[in-house]
Amino acid sequence: MIGRILNRIRYLWIVIILSVLLLAAAVALLVHSVKPRERIPQKGVFVLAEANTVKE
């Protein structure tokens, strides 16, 4: 009887730890996908502000 109780407690802790890890992974994925992406230009490539605007 004590063995079954200890077995259930061990499985309960495993489920709790896995749930916390899954929740942490979901939050990390959410934060990563919401964060704006900053693009760093390639080395030696310069972009002028006037080149991006359309002149009529």
Protein backbone atom coordinates (compact mmCIF):
# COMPACT_ATOMS: atom_id res chain seq x y z
CA MET A 1 0.00 0.00 0.00
CA ILE A 2 2.80 2.45 0.85
CA GLY A 3 4.48 1.53 -2.43
CA ARG A 4 1.38 2.41 -4.46
CA ILE A 5 1.06 5.76 -2.67
CA LEU A 6 4.72 6.59 -3.31
CA ASN A 7 4.30 5.56 -6.95
CA ARG A 8 1.32 7.88 -7.37
CA ILE A 9 3.14 10.76 -5.70
CA ARG A 10 6.13 10.23 -7.99
CA TYR A 11 3.90 10.25 -11.08
CA LEU A 12 2.13 13.35 -9.78
CA TRP A 13 5.44 15.19 -9.45
CA ILE A 14 6.45 14.11 -12.95
CA VAL A 15 3.17 15.44 -14.36
CA ILE A 16 3.58 18.74 -12.46
CA ILE A 17 7.16 19.24 -13.67
CA LEU A 18 6.27 18.41 -17.27
CA SER A 19 3.30 20.80 -17.14
CA VAL A 20 5.51 23.61 -15.88
CA LEU A 21 8.08 22.94 -18.60
CA LEU A 22 5.39 22.88 -21.28
CA LEU A 23 3.92 26.14 -20.01
CA ALA A 24 7.38 27.76 -19.95
CA ALA A 25 8.01 26.62 -23.53
CA ALA A 26 4.67 28.05 -24.66
CA VAL A 27 5.40 31.41 -23.00
CA ALA A 28 8.90 31.51 -24.51
CA LEU A 29 7.47 30.79 -27.96
CA LEU A 30 4.85 33.50 -27.52
CA VAL A 31 7.43 36.07 -26.41
CA HIS A 32 9.74 35.12 -29.27
CA SER A 33 7.00 35.39 -31.91
CA VAL A 34 5.67 38.73 -30.65
CA LYS A 35 9.06 40.42 -30.38
CA PRO A 36 9.72 42.68 -33.38
CA ARG A 37 12.49 41.41 -35.59
CA GLU A 38 15.37 43.78 -36.21
CA ARG A 39 17.32 43.18 -39.37
CA ILE A 40 20.95 44.05 -39.39
CA PRO A 41 22.19 45.04 -42.86
CA GLN A 42 25.03 43.07 -44.35
CA LYS A 43 28.51 44.36 -43.74
CA GLY A 44 29.39 47.08 -46.23
CA VAL A 45 25.79 47.69 -47.36
CA PHE A 46 24.54 51.20 -46.75
CA VAL A 47 20.98 52.33 -47.42
CA LEU A 48 20.16 56.00 -47.79
CA ALA A 49 16.87 57.30 -46.45
CA GLU A 50 16.17 59.21 -49.68
CA ALA A 51 16.53 56.06 -51.77
CA ASN A 52 13.53 54.49 -50.04
CA THR A 53 11.13 57.37 -50.76
CA VAL A 54 9.38 57.70 -54.12
CA LYS A 55 10.17 60.97 -55.92
CA GLU A 56 7.50 62.24 -58.27
